[in-house]
Protein backbone atom coordinates (compact mmCIF):
# COMPACT_ATOMS: atom_id res chain seq x y z
CA UNK A 1 46.20 42.30 -7.45
CA UNK A 2 43.67 39.49 -7.27
CA UNK A 3 42.33 38.10 -10.52
CA UNK A 4 38.90 36.56 -11.04
CA UNK A 5 38.00 33.78 -13.43
CA UNK A 6 34.64 32.97 -15.00
CA UNK A 7 34.67 29.34 -16.06
CA UNK A 8 32.51 26.79 -17.82
CA UNK A 9 32.74 23.14 -16.89
CA UNK A 10 31.40 20.30 -19.00
CA UNK A 11 30.48 16.75 -18.03
CA UNK A 12 30.89 14.67 -21.15
CA UNK A 13 29.27 11.61 -19.59
CA UNK A 14 26.06 13.49 -18.75
CA UNK A 15 26.16 16.30 -21.37
CA UNK A 16 25.84 18.91 -18.61
CA UNK A 17 27.54 22.26 -18.26
CA UNK A 18 28.20 24.42 -15.21
CA UNK A 19 29.07 28.13 -15.07
CA UNK A 20 30.86 29.71 -12.14
CA UNK A 21 33.44 32.25 -11.05
CA UNK A 22 36.30 32.16 -8.58
CA UNK A 23 39.57 33.76 -7.62
CA UNK A 24 41.30 30.36 -7.44
CA UNK A 25 40.41 28.18 -10.42
CA UNK A 26 42.64 25.24 -9.53
CA UNK A 27 41.21 24.84 -6.03
CA UNK A 28 37.65 25.38 -7.28
CA UNK A 29 38.15 22.76 -9.99
CA UNK A 30 39.45 20.28 -7.38
CA UNK A 31 36.38 21.03 -5.30
CA UNK A 32 34.00 20.32 -8.19
CA UNK A 33 35.74 17.06 -9.10
CA UNK A 34 36.87 15.58 -5.81
CA UNK A 35 36.60 17.55 -2.57
CA UNK A 36 32.94 18.55 -2.36
CA UNK A 37 30.64 16.10 -0.61
CA UNK A 38 27.39 17.85 -1.53
CA UNK A 39 25.97 20.11 -4.19
CA UNK A 40 24.74 19.90 -7.77
CA UNK A 41 28.11 19.31 -9.41
CA UNK A 42 28.98 16.10 -7.55
CA UNK A 43 26.29 14.16 -9.47
CA UNK A 44 27.91 14.81 -12.85
CA UNK A 45 31.61 14.14 -12.25
CA UNK A 46 34.09 14.15 -13.89
CA UNK A 47 34.11 17.77 -15.06
CA UNK A 48 36.35 19.30 -17.70
CA UNK A 49 37.15 23.00 -18.02
CA UNK A 50 36.04 24.06 -21.49
CA UNK A 51 36.18 27.87 -21.24
CA UNK A 52 37.77 30.52 -19.02
CA UNK A 53 37.69 34.32 -18.96
CA UNK A 54 39.86 36.50 -16.71
CA UNK A 55 38.76 39.70 -14.97
CA UNK A 56 40.54 42.21 -12.77
CA UNK A 57 37.44 43.07 -10.78
CA UNK A 58 35.07 40.78 -8.90
CA UNK A 59 32.03 42.80 -9.99
CA UNK A 60 32.88 42.26 -13.69
CA UNK A 61 33.28 38.52 -13.17
CA UNK A 62 29.99 38.29 -11.29
CA UNK A 63 28.18 40.21 -14.04
CA UNK A 64 29.63 37.95 -16.75
CA UNK A 65 28.71 34.79 -14.81
CA UNK A 66 25.17 36.12 -14.35
CA UNK A 67 24.91 36.88 -18.09
CA UNK A 68 26.19 33.45 -19.11
CA UNK A 69 23.45 31.85 -17.00
CA UNK A 70 20.71 33.69 -18.95
CA UNK A 71 19.12 32.42 -22.15
CA UNK A 72 21.19 34.86 -24.22
CA UNK A 73 24.32 33.77 -22.37
CA UNK A 74 23.62 30.09 -22.98
CA UNK A 75 23.09 30.91 -26.66
CA UNK A 76 26.50 32.65 -26.67
CA UNK A 77 28.04 29.51 -25.15
CA UNK A 78 26.44 27.29 -27.79
CA UNK A 79 27.80 29.48 -30.60
CA UNK A 80 31.23 30.29 -29.19
CA UNK A 81 32.17 27.34 -26.98
CA UNK A 82 30.03 24.37 -27.93
CA UNK A 83 28.68 23.10 -31.20
CA UNK A 84 25.20 24.16 -32.32
CA UNK A 85 23.56 21.14 -30.66
CA UNK A 86 24.81 22.23 -27.27
CA UNK A 87 27.41 19.54 -26.73
CA UNK A 88 31.13 20.02 -26.47
CA UNK A 89 33.81 18.58 -28.68
CA UNK A 90 37.34 19.93 -28.43
CA UNK A 91 38.47 22.05 -31.35
CA UNK A 92 41.41 20.46 -33.03
CA UNK A 93 44.03 22.75 -34.60
């Protein structure tokens, strides 16, 4: 059964984040960082994966991606993935 991934990328150099979903995270990540010749993400390379969520159904992944792109979703990201200022610093354990 195919699995779907909602992911958040972060460009440390530009303090930008990107939210997307895919069924092949590795290939999509390569596309964002190297293969694509056009699009929004090429301007802010390199990207780092800072958050992933796995879903069994495409519809669920699409709904989660859509939510994360809303104001409430971006607030959730700030609280749960990034620090309160909206930038990312890896959590050390």
